[in-house]
Amino acid sequence: MNLFTAPAFFAGLVLSLSLIMAIGPQNAHVMRMGLRGQHLWLTIAICVATDIVLIATGVAGLAQLGGLSDKLLGALTGAGALVLLTYGALAMQRFLRPSGQTLRTDAPAGKAAGVSRRQAIALALALSWLNPHAWLDTAVLIGTASLAYGQPDNAVFGMGAATGSLLWFTALGVAMWCLGRHLNSPRFWRALDALVALMMWGTALWLVKGLF
């Protein structure tokens, strides 16, 4: 990766991380599997593979819109920035007004009812492919953001986004494996929500700046 393509790679990396860090069905499922000590790395592999496929689909498909009018490009980019601002506002609201809830599990780690490998695969696939937020974040938002880069930099942007997914799920898995229930506290969720809000707002401003 040369200096010319590095900005596209890291922009995709930051956008991917800002989107994926929001606590959604995928992340919550990975955390539960980690806290229970059941098929954690298999679950992570499925989540990462799904993100890579959706990111590639979004970047390759929406890149075909790059030749259309500047108005359409601006509208798509603006819509993506608006969604990011909204997600950031929701995360900041959770930070400012914490509910005190923690991630619930049905039983202590290592003592939960067993989940077979086949069941673990089915659960991970369902929460990845049947989750509309996953499609919105990867195929739509990341694909739209890649329009700001011409070929082949849009592919480099997608590689950065895919790397972000790999890094996040791996880090999340390691955290659950090593720290387990020590992370299951309101303070942890507040800190995470604050970081998510700041990253999303920063990325939204970067997208809007590219319009001018």
N, C-alpha and C. Protein backbone atom coordinates (compact mmCIF):
# COMPACT_ATOMS: atom_id res chain seq x y z
N MET A 1 0.85 -1.19 0.00
CA MET A 1 0.00 0.00 0.00
C MET A 1 0.89 1.24 0.00
N ASN A 2 0.80 2.07 -1.03
CA ASN A 2 1.62 3.25 -1.10
C ASN A 2 0.95 4.43 -0.41
N LEU A 3 1.67 5.56 -0.39
CA LEU A 3 1.15 6.73 0.31
C LEU A 3 -0.11 7.27 -0.33
N PHE A 4 -0.31 6.98 -1.64
CA PHE A 4 -1.47 7.51 -2.32
C PHE A 4 -2.74 6.79 -1.87
N THR A 5 -2.62 5.50 -1.62
CA THR A 5 -3.80 4.73 -1.25
C THR A 5 -4.00 4.62 0.26
N ALA A 6 -2.98 5.00 1.04
CA ALA A 6 -3.09 4.89 2.49
C ALA A 6 -4.28 5.67 3.05
N PRO A 7 -4.53 6.92 2.63
CA PRO A 7 -5.70 7.63 3.18
C PRO A 7 -7.01 6.90 2.95
N ALA A 8 -7.19 6.29 1.78
CA ALA A 8 -8.42 5.54 1.51
C ALA A 8 -8.54 4.33 2.43
N PHE A 9 -7.43 3.64 2.65
CA PHE A 9 -7.44 2.45 3.51
C PHE A 9 -7.83 2.84 4.94
N PHE A 10 -7.19 3.85 5.49
CA PHE A 10 -7.45 4.22 6.88
C PHE A 10 -8.82 4.88 7.04
N ALA A 11 -9.30 5.56 6.00
CA ALA A 11 -10.65 6.11 6.06
C ALA A 11 -11.68 4.98 6.15
N GLY A 12 -11.48 3.94 5.34
CA GLY A 12 -12.37 2.78 5.41
C GLY A 12 -12.27 2.07 6.75
N LEU A 13 -11.05 2.00 7.29
CA LEU A 13 -10.84 1.37 8.60
C LEU A 13 -11.60 2.11 9.70
N VAL A 14 -11.47 3.44 9.72
CA VAL A 14 -12.12 4.25 10.76
C VAL A 14 -13.64 4.18 10.63
N LEU A 15 -14.15 4.27 9.40
CA LEU A 15 -15.60 4.20 9.21
C LEU A 15 -16.14 2.85 9.67
N SER A 16 -15.46 1.78 9.30
CA SER A 16 -15.90 0.45 9.70
C SER A 16 -15.93 0.31 11.21
N LEU A 17 -14.88 0.76 11.88
CA LEU A 17 -14.83 0.66 13.33
C LEU A 17 -15.93 1.50 13.98
N SER A 18 -16.18 2.70 13.45
CA SER A 18 -17.19 3.57 14.05
C SER A 18 -18.58 2.96 13.93
N LEU A 19 -18.81 2.21 12.85
CA LEU A 19 -20.12 1.58 12.66
C LEU A 19 -20.26 0.30 13.48
N ILE A 20 -19.22 -0.51 13.46
CA ILE A 20 -19.33 -1.84 14.05
C ILE A 20 -19.27 -1.81 15.57
N MET A 21 -18.72 -0.74 16.16
CA MET A 21 -18.59 -0.68 17.61
C MET A 21 -19.92 -0.46 18.32
N ALA A 22 -20.93 0.01 17.58
CA ALA A 22 -22.25 0.15 18.20
C ALA A 22 -22.75 -1.22 18.64
N ILE A 23 -23.31 -1.27 19.85
CA ILE A 23 -23.74 -2.56 20.40
C ILE A 23 -25.02 -3.01 19.70
N GLY A 24 -24.86 -3.94 18.78
CA GLY A 24 -25.98 -4.48 18.05
C GLY A 24 -26.08 -5.98 18.26
N PRO A 25 -26.94 -6.64 17.49
CA PRO A 25 -27.14 -8.08 17.67
C PRO A 25 -25.85 -8.89 17.51
N GLN A 26 -25.03 -8.55 16.51
CA GLN A 26 -23.79 -9.30 16.30
C GLN A 26 -22.86 -9.19 17.50
N ASN A 27 -22.59 -7.95 17.92
CA ASN A 27 -21.68 -7.75 19.04
C ASN A 27 -22.20 -8.40 20.33
N ALA A 28 -23.48 -8.23 20.58
CA ALA A 28 -24.06 -8.81 21.79
C ALA A 28 -23.94 -10.34 21.77
N HIS A 29 -24.15 -10.93 20.59
CA HIS A 29 -24.04 -12.39 20.48
C HIS A 29 -22.61 -12.85 20.70
N VAL A 30 -21.65 -12.13 20.12
CA VAL A 30 -20.23 -12.48 20.33
C VAL A 30 -19.89 -12.39 21.82
N MET A 31 -20.39 -11.36 22.49
CA MET A 31 -20.11 -11.20 23.91
C MET A 31 -20.72 -12.34 24.72
N ARG A 32 -21.94 -12.71 24.40
CA ARG A 32 -22.58 -13.81 25.12
C ARG A 32 -21.81 -15.11 24.93
N MET A 33 -21.40 -15.39 23.70
CA MET A 33 -20.66 -16.61 23.44
C MET A 33 -19.32 -16.58 24.16
N GLY A 34 -18.71 -15.38 24.24
CA GLY A 34 -17.44 -15.26 24.95
C GLY A 34 -17.60 -15.45 26.44
N LEU A 35 -18.65 -14.85 27.02
CA LEU A 35 -18.90 -14.99 28.45
C LEU A 35 -19.24 -16.44 28.82
N ARG A 36 -19.88 -17.14 27.89
CA ARG A 36 -20.23 -18.53 28.14
C ARG A 36 -19.08 -19.49 27.80
N GLY A 37 -18.09 -18.99 27.04
CA GLY A 37 -16.99 -19.84 26.63
C GLY A 37 -17.40 -20.91 25.64
N GLN A 38 -18.32 -20.56 24.71
CA GLN A 38 -18.86 -21.54 23.78
C GLN A 38 -18.70 -21.06 22.33
N HIS A 39 -17.90 -21.77 21.55
CA HIS A 39 -17.76 -21.54 20.11
C HIS A 39 -17.50 -20.06 19.77
N LEU A 40 -16.69 -19.41 20.59
CA LEU A 40 -16.44 -17.98 20.40
C LEU A 40 -15.76 -17.69 19.07
N TRP A 41 -14.68 -18.39 18.77
CA TRP A 41 -13.91 -18.06 17.57
C TRP A 41 -14.62 -18.49 16.30
N LEU A 42 -15.42 -19.53 16.37
CA LEU A 42 -16.25 -19.90 15.23
C LEU A 42 -17.26 -18.80 14.93
N THR A 43 -17.87 -18.27 15.98
CA THR A 43 -18.83 -17.19 15.83
C THR A 43 -18.17 -15.95 15.23
N ILE A 44 -16.98 -15.62 15.71
CA ILE A 44 -16.26 -14.46 15.20
C ILE A 44 -15.92 -14.64 13.73
N ALA A 45 -15.47 -15.84 13.35
CA ALA A 45 -15.12 -16.09 11.95
C ALA A 45 -16.32 -15.88 11.03
N ILE A 46 -17.50 -16.32 11.45
CA ILE A 46 -18.70 -16.15 10.63
C ILE A 46 -19.07 -14.68 10.52
N CYS A 47 -18.98 -13.93 11.62
CA CYS A 47 -19.31 -12.50 11.60
C CYS A 47 -18.37 -11.74 10.68
N VAL A 48 -17.08 -12.03 10.77
CA VAL A 48 -16.09 -11.33 9.92
C VAL A 48 -16.30 -11.68 8.46
N ALA A 49 -16.50 -12.96 8.16
CA ALA A 49 -16.70 -13.38 6.77
C ALA A 49 -17.93 -12.72 6.18
N THR A 50 -19.00 -12.62 6.97
CA THR A 50 -20.22 -11.97 6.49
C THR A 50 -19.97 -10.51 6.18
N ASP A 51 -19.27 -9.81 7.08
CA ASP A 51 -18.97 -8.40 6.85
C ASP A 51 -18.14 -8.20 5.59
N ILE A 52 -17.17 -9.07 5.37
CA ILE A 52 -16.32 -8.95 4.18
C ILE A 52 -17.15 -9.10 2.91
N VAL A 53 -18.05 -10.08 2.89
CA VAL A 53 -18.90 -10.28 1.71
C VAL A 53 -19.81 -9.07 1.48
N LEU A 54 -20.42 -8.56 2.55
CA LEU A 54 -21.33 -7.42 2.40
C LEU A 54 -20.58 -6.15 2.00
N ILE A 55 -19.40 -5.94 2.57
CA ILE A 55 -18.59 -4.77 2.21
C ILE A 55 -18.19 -4.84 0.75
N ALA A 56 -17.72 -6.00 0.31
CA ALA A 56 -17.32 -6.17 -1.08
C ALA A 56 -18.50 -5.94 -2.02
N THR A 57 -19.68 -6.43 -1.62
CA THR A 57 -20.88 -6.24 -2.44
C THR A 57 -21.24 -4.76 -2.54
N GLY A 58 -21.18 -4.06 -1.41
CA GLY A 58 -21.51 -2.65 -1.42
C GLY A 58 -20.53 -1.82 -2.22
N VAL A 59 -19.24 -2.05 -2.01
CA VAL A 59 -18.22 -1.27 -2.71
C VAL A 59 -18.26 -1.55 -4.21
N ALA A 60 -18.33 -2.82 -4.59
CA ALA A 60 -18.33 -3.17 -6.02
C ALA A 60 -19.61 -2.72 -6.70
N GLY A 61 -20.75 -2.87 -6.00
CA GLY A 61 -22.02 -2.51 -6.61
C GLY A 61 -22.24 -1.02 -6.69
N LEU A 62 -22.06 -0.32 -5.58
CA LEU A 62 -22.32 1.12 -5.57
C LEU A 62 -21.25 1.90 -6.29
N ALA A 63 -20.09 1.29 -6.52
CA ALA A 63 -19.04 1.99 -7.29
C ALA A 63 -19.51 2.29 -8.70
N GLN A 64 -20.47 1.49 -9.20
CA GLN A 64 -20.99 1.72 -10.53
C GLN A 64 -21.78 3.03 -10.63
N LEU A 65 -22.17 3.58 -9.46
CA LEU A 65 -22.89 4.85 -9.46
C LEU A 65 -21.96 6.05 -9.55
N GLY A 66 -20.65 5.79 -9.51
CA GLY A 66 -19.70 6.89 -9.48
C GLY A 66 -19.74 7.76 -10.72
N GLY A 67 -20.22 7.22 -11.83
CA GLY A 67 -20.25 8.01 -13.05
C GLY A 67 -21.49 8.85 -13.19
N LEU A 68 -22.39 8.77 -12.24
CA LEU A 68 -23.62 9.56 -12.33
C LEU A 68 -23.37 10.98 -11.86
N SER A 69 -24.42 11.76 -11.76
CA SER A 69 -24.29 13.19 -11.47
C SER A 69 -23.72 13.44 -10.09
N ASP A 70 -23.11 14.62 -9.94
CA ASP A 70 -22.59 15.03 -8.64
C ASP A 70 -23.70 15.17 -7.61
N LYS A 71 -24.91 15.50 -8.09
CA LYS A 71 -26.04 15.65 -7.16
C LYS A 71 -26.38 14.31 -6.50
N LEU A 72 -26.37 13.24 -7.28
CA LEU A 72 -26.68 11.93 -6.71
C LEU A 72 -25.59 11.50 -5.74
N LEU A 73 -24.34 11.73 -6.13
CA LEU A 73 -23.22 11.40 -5.25
C LEU A 73 -23.32 12.17 -3.94
N GLY A 74 -23.65 13.48 -4.06
CA GLY A 74 -23.79 14.30 -2.86
C GLY A 74 -24.94 13.85 -1.99
N ALA A 75 -26.04 13.44 -2.62
CA ALA A 75 -27.21 12.98 -1.86
C ALA A 75 -26.89 11.69 -1.11
N LEU A 76 -26.21 10.75 -1.76
CA LEU A 76 -25.86 9.50 -1.10
C LEU A 76 -24.88 9.72 0.05
N THR A 77 -23.89 10.58 -0.20
CA THR A 77 -22.92 10.87 0.85
C THR A 77 -23.58 11.59 2.01
N GLY A 78 -24.45 12.56 1.70
CA GLY A 78 -25.15 13.28 2.75
C GLY A 78 -26.05 12.38 3.56
N ALA A 79 -26.71 11.43 2.89
CA ALA A 79 -27.57 10.49 3.60
C ALA A 79 -26.75 9.61 4.55
N GLY A 80 -25.59 9.18 4.08
CA GLY A 80 -24.72 8.38 4.94
C GLY A 80 -24.26 9.17 6.16
N ALA A 81 -23.91 10.46 5.94
CA ALA A 81 -23.49 11.31 7.05
C ALA A 81 -24.63 11.52 8.04
N LEU A 82 -25.85 11.65 7.54
CA LEU A 82 -27.01 11.85 8.41
C LEU A 82 -27.25 10.63 9.29
N VAL A 83 -27.12 9.45 8.72
CA VAL A 83 -27.29 8.23 9.51
C VAL A 83 -26.23 8.13 10.59
N LEU A 84 -24.99 8.49 10.23
CA LEU A 84 -23.90 8.46 11.21
C LEU A 84 -24.16 9.44 12.35
N LEU A 85 -24.63 10.64 12.01
CA LEU A 85 -24.94 11.63 13.04
C LEU A 85 -26.05 11.12 13.96
N THR A 86 -27.04 10.44 13.38
CA THR A 86 -28.15 9.91 14.17
C THR A 86 -27.66 8.80 15.10
N TYR A 87 -26.88 7.87 14.56
CA TYR A 87 -26.33 6.80 15.39
C TYR A 87 -25.47 7.37 16.51
N GLY A 88 -24.67 8.38 16.18
CA GLY A 88 -23.83 9.01 17.20
C GLY A 88 -24.65 9.66 18.29
N ALA A 89 -25.75 10.31 17.89
CA ALA A 89 -26.62 10.96 18.87
C ALA A 89 -27.26 9.92 19.81
N LEU A 90 -27.66 8.78 19.25
CA LEU A 90 -28.25 7.73 20.09
C LEU A 90 -27.23 7.18 21.08
N ALA A 91 -25.99 7.01 20.61
CA ALA A 91 -24.94 6.52 21.51
C ALA A 91 -24.65 7.54 22.61
N MET A 92 -24.61 8.82 22.24
CA MET A 92 -24.35 9.85 23.23
C MET A 92 -25.50 9.95 24.23
N GLN A 93 -26.72 9.72 23.76
CA GLN A 93 -27.87 9.72 24.66
C GLN A 93 -27.75 8.61 25.69
N ARG A 94 -27.29 7.43 25.24
CA ARG A 94 -27.09 6.33 26.18
C ARG A 94 -25.98 6.66 27.17
N PHE A 95 -24.97 7.41 26.72
CA PHE A 95 -23.87 7.80 27.61
C PHE A 95 -24.35 8.79 28.66
N LEU A 96 -25.15 9.79 28.23
CA LEU A 96 -25.61 10.83 29.14
C LEU A 96 -26.71 10.34 30.07
N ARG A 97 -27.52 9.37 29.58
CA ARG A 97 -28.61 8.86 30.39
C ARG A 97 -28.52 7.34 30.46
N PRO A 98 -27.55 6.84 31.18
CA PRO A 98 -27.35 5.38 31.25
C PRO A 98 -28.52 4.70 31.91
N SER A 99 -28.84 3.52 31.42
CA SER A 99 -29.96 2.76 31.99
C SER A 99 -29.52 1.88 33.14
N GLY A 100 -28.18 1.69 33.25
CA GLY A 100 -27.68 0.81 34.31
C GLY A 100 -27.73 -0.65 33.94
N GLN A 101 -28.17 -0.96 32.72
CA GLN A 101 -28.26 -2.35 32.32
C GLN A 101 -26.90 -2.88 31.92
N THR A 102 -26.74 -4.17 32.06
CA THR A 102 -25.54 -4.86 31.60
C THR A 102 -25.95 -5.99 30.68
N LEU A 103 -24.95 -6.57 30.06
CA LEU A 103 -25.24 -7.67 29.16
C LEU A 103 -25.70 -8.88 29.96
N ARG A 104 -26.90 -9.36 29.69
CA ARG A 104 -27.44 -10.47 30.45
C ARG A 104 -27.09 -11.80 29.79
N THR A 105 -26.79 -12.74 30.63
CA THR A 105 -26.59 -14.10 30.17
C THR A 105 -27.49 -15.01 30.98
N ASP A 106 -27.77 -16.15 30.44
CA ASP A 106 -28.70 -17.06 31.10
C ASP A 106 -28.08 -17.81 32.26
N ALA A 107 -26.72 -17.87 32.25
CA ALA A 107 -26.06 -18.60 33.32
C ALA A 107 -24.62 -18.14 33.38
N PRO A 108 -23.91 -18.41 34.49
CA PRO A 108 -22.52 -18.01 34.60
C PRO A 108 -21.66 -18.64 33.52
N ALA A 109 -20.53 -17.94 33.21
CA ALA A 109 -19.64 -18.43 32.18
C ALA A 109 -19.19 -19.85 32.52
N GLY A 110 -19.20 -20.70 31.50
CA GLY A 110 -18.75 -22.07 31.70
C GLY A 110 -19.83 -22.98 32.26
N LYS A 111 -20.99 -22.41 32.66
CA LYS A 111 -22.04 -23.24 33.25
C LYS A 111 -23.35 -23.12 32.48
N ALA A 112 -23.32 -22.42 31.34
CA ALA A 112 -24.54 -22.27 30.57
C ALA A 112 -24.86 -23.56 29.84
N ALA A 113 -26.12 -23.66 29.44
CA ALA A 113 -26.53 -24.84 28.69
C ALA A 113 -25.70 -24.93 27.41
N GLY A 114 -25.31 -26.15 27.06
CA GLY A 114 -24.44 -26.34 25.91
C GLY A 114 -25.10 -25.94 24.61
N VAL A 115 -24.28 -25.37 23.71
CA VAL A 115 -24.72 -25.03 22.36
C VAL A 115 -23.85 -25.83 21.41
N SER A 116 -24.47 -26.61 20.54
CA SER A 116 -23.71 -27.43 19.61
C SER A 116 -23.06 -26.55 18.54
N ARG A 117 -22.10 -27.12 17.83
CA ARG A 117 -21.45 -26.38 16.75
C ARG A 117 -22.46 -25.98 15.68
N ARG A 118 -23.36 -26.89 15.35
CA ARG A 118 -24.36 -26.57 14.32
C ARG A 118 -25.26 -25.43 14.79
N GLN A 119 -25.67 -25.45 16.04
CA GLN A 119 -26.50 -24.37 16.58
C GLN A 119 -25.74 -23.05 16.59
N ALA A 120 -24.47 -23.08 16.95
CA ALA A 120 -23.66 -21.87 16.98
C ALA A 120 -23.54 -21.26 15.59
N ILE A 121 -23.34 -22.11 14.58
CA ILE A 121 -23.24 -21.63 13.20
C ILE A 121 -24.56 -21.01 12.75
N ALA A 122 -25.66 -21.68 13.07
CA ALA A 122 -26.98 -21.18 12.67
C ALA A 122 -27.28 -19.84 13.32
N LEU A 123 -26.97 -19.70 14.59
CA LEU A 123 -27.21 -18.44 15.30
C LEU A 123 -26.37 -17.31 14.71
N ALA A 124 -25.09 -17.57 14.48
CA ALA A 124 -24.22 -16.53 13.94
C ALA A 124 -24.66 -16.11 12.54
N LEU A 125 -25.04 -17.07 11.70
CA LEU A 125 -25.49 -16.75 10.34
C LEU A 125 -26.79 -15.94 10.38
N ALA A 126 -27.71 -16.32 11.26
CA ALA A 126 -28.98 -15.61 11.35
C ALA A 126 -28.78 -14.17 11.79
N LEU A 127 -27.95 -13.96 12.82
CA LEU A 127 -27.74 -12.61 13.35
C LEU A 127 -26.90 -11.76 12.41
N SER A 128 -26.20 -12.38 11.47
CA SER A 128 -25.39 -11.64 10.51
C SER A 128 -26.17 -11.32 9.24
N TRP A 129 -26.84 -12.32 8.67
CA TRP A 129 -27.49 -12.14 7.38
C TRP A 129 -28.93 -11.65 7.49
N LEU A 130 -29.58 -11.90 8.62
CA LEU A 130 -30.97 -11.46 8.77
C LEU A 130 -31.07 -10.17 9.58
N ASN A 131 -29.94 -9.51 9.79
CA ASN A 131 -29.90 -8.28 10.56
C ASN A 131 -29.86 -7.08 9.60
N PRO A 132 -30.95 -6.31 9.50
CA PRO A 132 -30.96 -5.18 8.54
C PRO A 132 -29.90 -4.14 8.83
N HIS A 133 -29.52 -3.97 10.11
CA HIS A 133 -28.49 -2.99 10.43
C HIS A 133 -27.14 -3.40 9.85
N ALA A 134 -26.87 -4.70 9.79
CA ALA A 134 -25.62 -5.16 9.20
C ALA A 134 -25.57 -4.81 7.71
N TRP A 135 -26.68 -4.99 7.02
CA TRP A 135 -26.74 -4.62 5.60
C TRP A 135 -26.58 -3.11 5.42
N LEU A 136 -27.25 -2.35 6.28
CA LEU A 136 -27.17 -0.89 6.17
C LEU A 136 -25.75 -0.40 6.41
N ASP A 137 -25.11 -0.91 7.47
CA ASP A 137 -23.79 -0.43 7.85
C ASP A 137 -22.72 -0.83 6.84
N THR A 138 -22.79 -2.04 6.33
CA THR A 138 -21.73 -2.54 5.46
C THR A 138 -22.02 -2.25 3.99
N ALA A 139 -23.03 -2.88 3.44
CA ALA A 139 -23.30 -2.76 2.01
C ALA A 139 -23.69 -1.35 1.60
N VAL A 140 -24.50 -0.66 2.43
CA VAL A 140 -25.03 0.65 2.04
C VAL A 140 -24.10 1.79 2.46
N LEU A 141 -23.85 1.92 3.76
CA LEU A 141 -23.07 3.07 4.22
C LEU A 141 -21.61 3.01 3.76
N ILE A 142 -20.97 1.87 3.93
CA ILE A 142 -19.57 1.76 3.50
C ILE A 142 -19.47 1.81 1.99
N GLY A 143 -20.42 1.16 1.30
CA GLY A 143 -20.43 1.25 -0.15
C GLY A 143 -20.62 2.67 -0.64
N THR A 144 -21.51 3.42 0.02
CA THR A 144 -21.74 4.81 -0.35
C THR A 144 -20.51 5.66 -0.10
N ALA A 145 -19.88 5.47 1.06
CA ALA A 145 -18.69 6.25 1.38
C ALA A 145 -17.56 5.98 0.41
N SER A 146 -17.50 4.76 -0.14
CA SER A 146 -16.43 4.43 -1.09
C SER A 146 -16.55 5.22 -2.39
N LEU A 147 -17.73 5.80 -2.64
CA LEU A 147 -17.93 6.59 -3.85
C LEU A 147 -17.07 7.85 -3.86
N ALA A 148 -16.61 8.26 -2.68
CA ALA A 148 -15.75 9.44 -2.62
C ALA A 148 -14.37 9.16 -3.21
N TYR A 149 -14.07 7.91 -3.51
CA TYR A 149 -12.77 7.53 -4.06
C TYR A 149 -12.97 6.88 -5.42
N GLY A 150 -12.14 7.24 -6.34
CA GLY A 150 -12.18 6.62 -7.66
C GLY A 150 -11.46 5.28 -7.65
N GLN A 151 -11.68 4.51 -8.67
CA GLN A 151 -11.00 3.23 -8.78
C GLN A 151 -9.50 3.45 -9.01
N PRO A 152 -8.61 2.66 -8.43
CA PRO A 152 -8.87 1.49 -7.58
C PRO A 152 -8.95 1.82 -6.09
N ASP A 153 -8.92 3.13 -5.73
CA ASP A 153 -8.89 3.48 -4.31
C ASP A 153 -10.16 3.08 -3.58
N ASN A 154 -11.28 2.94 -4.32
CA ASN A 154 -12.50 2.51 -3.65
C ASN A 154 -12.35 1.07 -3.13
N ALA A 155 -11.59 0.24 -3.87
CA ALA A 155 -11.33 -1.12 -3.40
C ALA A 155 -10.43 -1.11 -2.17
N VAL A 156 -9.46 -0.19 -2.16
CA VAL A 156 -8.58 -0.05 -0.99
C VAL A 156 -9.40 0.40 0.21
N PHE A 157 -10.35 1.31 -0.02
CA PHE A 157 -11.27 1.74 1.04
C PHE A 157 -12.03 0.54 1.61
N GLY A 158 -12.53 -0.33 0.72
CA GLY A 158 -13.23 -1.52 1.16
C GLY A 158 -12.33 -2.46 1.94
N MET A 159 -11.06 -2.57 1.52
CA MET A 159 -10.11 -3.41 2.26
C MET A 159 -9.90 -2.86 3.67
N GLY A 160 -9.83 -1.55 3.79
CA GLY A 160 -9.69 -0.94 5.11
C GLY A 160 -10.89 -1.23 5.98
N ALA A 161 -12.09 -1.15 5.38
CA ALA A 161 -13.32 -1.43 6.13
C ALA A 161 -13.35 -2.89 6.59
N ALA A 162 -12.95 -3.80 5.70
CA ALA A 162 -12.92 -5.22 6.06
C ALA A 162 -11.90 -5.48 7.18
N THR A 163 -10.77 -4.78 7.11
CA THR A 163 -9.76 -4.91 8.16
C THR A 163 -10.31 -4.43 9.50
N GLY A 164 -11.11 -3.36 9.46
CA GLY A 164 -11.73 -2.86 10.68
C GLY A 164 -12.63 -3.90 11.32
N SER A 165 -13.41 -4.60 10.50
CA SER A 165 -14.28 -5.67 11.02
C SER A 165 -13.45 -6.77 11.66
N LEU A 166 -12.38 -7.18 10.97
CA LEU A 166 -11.52 -8.24 11.51
C LEU A 166 -10.89 -7.82 12.84
N LEU A 167 -10.38 -6.58 12.90
CA LEU A 167 -9.74 -6.11 14.12
C LEU A 167 -10.73 -6.02 15.28
N TRP A 168 -11.94 -5.50 15.00
CA TRP A 168 -12.90 -5.31 16.08
C TRP A 168 -13.38 -6.64 16.66
N PHE A 169 -13.80 -7.55 15.79
CA PHE A 169 -14.32 -8.81 16.31
C PHE A 169 -13.23 -9.62 17.00
N THR A 170 -12.00 -9.54 16.48
CA THR A 170 -10.89 -10.24 17.14
C THR A 170 -10.63 -9.65 18.51
N ALA A 171 -10.58 -8.30 18.58
CA ALA A 171 -10.35 -7.64 19.87
C ALA A 171 -11.48 -7.92 20.85
N LEU A 172 -12.70 -7.93 20.34
CA LEU A 172 -13.85 -8.22 21.20
C LEU A 172 -13.77 -9.65 21.74
N GLY A 173 -13.39 -10.57 20.88
CA GLY A 173 -13.26 -11.94 21.31
C GLY A 173 -12.17 -12.13 22.36
N VAL A 174 -11.02 -11.47 22.14
CA VAL A 174 -9.93 -11.56 23.11
C VAL A 174 -10.35 -10.96 24.44
N ALA A 175 -11.06 -9.83 24.39
CA ALA A 175 -11.52 -9.18 25.62
C ALA A 175 -12.47 -10.09 26.39
N MET A 176 -13.42 -10.68 25.68
CA MET A 176 -14.36 -11.57 26.36
C MET A 176 -13.65 -12.81 26.90
N TRP A 177 -12.68 -13.30 26.16
CA TRP A 177 -11.96 -14.50 26.57
C TRP A 177 -11.12 -14.25 27.82
N CYS A 178 -10.47 -13.08 27.85
CA CYS A 178 -9.52 -12.79 28.93
C CYS A 178 -10.19 -12.15 30.16
N LEU A 179 -11.12 -11.23 29.91
CA LEU A 179 -11.66 -10.44 31.01
C LEU A 179 -13.06 -10.86 31.43
N GLY A 180 -13.79 -11.44 30.49
CA GLY A 180 -15.11 -11.98 30.82
C GLY A 180 -16.02 -10.99 31.52
N ARG A 181 -16.52 -11.37 32.67
CA ARG A 181 -17.54 -10.59 33.35
C ARG A 181 -17.02 -9.28 33.95
N HIS A 182 -15.71 -9.10 33.99
CA HIS A 182 -15.19 -7.83 34.49
C HIS A 182 -15.60 -6.67 33.58
N LEU A 183 -15.90 -6.97 32.30
CA LEU A 183 -16.34 -5.94 31.36
C LEU A 183 -17.85 -5.72 31.42
N ASN A 184 -18.55 -6.61 32.09
CA ASN A 184 -20.01 -6.54 32.10
C ASN A 184 -20.49 -5.59 33.20
N SER A 185 -20.24 -4.28 32.98
CA SER A 185 -20.61 -3.27 33.97
C SER A 185 -21.15 -2.04 33.27
N PRO A 186 -22.03 -1.27 33.93
CA PRO A 186 -22.54 -0.04 33.32
C PRO A 186 -21.44 0.94 32.93
N ARG A 187 -20.37 1.02 33.71
CA ARG A 187 -19.28 1.95 33.39
C ARG A 187 -18.63 1.61 32.05
N PHE A 188 -18.44 0.32 31.79
CA PHE A 188 -17.85 -0.10 30.52
C PHE A 188 -18.74 0.29 29.35
N TRP A 189 -20.07 0.03 29.48
CA TRP A 189 -20.98 0.35 28.37
C TRP A 189 -21.04 1.85 28.14
N ARG A 190 -20.98 2.67 29.19
CA ARG A 190 -21.00 4.13 29.02
C ARG A 190 -19.76 4.60 28.27
N ALA A 191 -18.60 4.08 28.65
CA ALA A 191 -17.36 4.47 27.98
C ALA A 191 -17.39 4.08 26.50
N LEU A 192 -17.90 2.90 26.22
CA LEU A 192 -17.99 2.44 24.84
C LEU A 192 -18.95 3.31 24.03
N ASP A 193 -20.09 3.66 24.61
CA ASP A 193 -21.06 4.51 23.91
C ASP A 193 -20.46 5.88 23.61
N ALA A 194 -19.71 6.44 24.55
CA ALA A 194 -19.08 7.74 24.31
C ALA A 194 -18.09 7.67 23.16
N LEU A 195 -17.29 6.61 23.12
CA LEU A 195 -16.31 6.45 22.05
C LEU A 195 -17.00 6.27 20.70
N VAL A 196 -18.07 5.49 20.68
CA VAL A 196 -18.83 5.28 19.45
C VAL A 196 -19.39 6.60 18.93
N ALA A 197 -19.96 7.41 19.82
CA ALA A 197 -20.55 8.69 19.41
C ALA A 197 -19.50 9.60 18.79
N LEU A 198 -18.34 9.71 19.42
CA LEU A 198 -17.29 10.58 18.91
C LEU A 198 -16.76 10.10 17.56
N MET A 199 -16.60 8.80 17.40
CA MET A 199 -16.10 8.26 16.14
C MET A 199 -17.11 8.46 15.02
N MET A 200 -18.39 8.27 15.31
CA MET A 200 -19.41 8.43 14.28
C MET A 200 -19.54 9.89 13.86
N TRP A 201 -19.53 10.80 14.82
CA TRP A 201 -19.62 12.21 14.48
C TRP A 201 -18.41 12.67 13.68
N GLY A 202 -17.24 12.21 14.07
CA GLY A 202 -16.03 12.58 13.34
C GLY A 202 -16.06 12.08 11.90
N THR A 203 -16.53 10.86 11.71
CA THR A 203 -16.62 10.31 10.36
C THR A 203 -17.67 11.05 9.53
N ALA A 204 -18.80 11.42 10.16
CA ALA A 204 -19.83 12.17 9.45
C ALA A 204 -19.30 13.52 8.98
N LEU A 205 -18.55 14.20 9.84
CA LEU A 205 -17.96 15.48 9.44
C LEU A 205 -16.97 15.30 8.30
N TRP A 206 -16.23 14.19 8.34
CA TRP A 206 -15.28 13.93 7.24
C TRP A 206 -16.03 13.71 5.93
N LEU A 207 -17.16 13.00 5.96
CA LEU A 207 -17.94 12.79 4.74
C LEU A 207 -18.50 14.10 4.20
N VAL A 208 -19.02 14.93 5.10
CA VAL A 208 -19.60 16.22 4.68
C VAL A 208 -18.51 17.13 4.12
N LYS A 209 -17.34 17.11 4.72
CA LYS A 209 -16.24 17.93 4.23
C LYS A 209 -15.89 17.57 2.79
N GLY A 210 -16.00 16.29 2.45
CA GLY A 210 -15.67 15.86 1.11
C GLY A 210 -16.62 16.37 0.05
N LEU A 211 -17.78 16.91 0.48
CA LEU A 211 -18.74 17.44 -0.48
C LEU A 211 -18.37 18.84 -0.96
N PHE A 212 -17.45 19.49 -0.26
CA PHE A 212 -17.12 20.89 -0.58
C PHE A 212 -15.69 21.01 -1.11
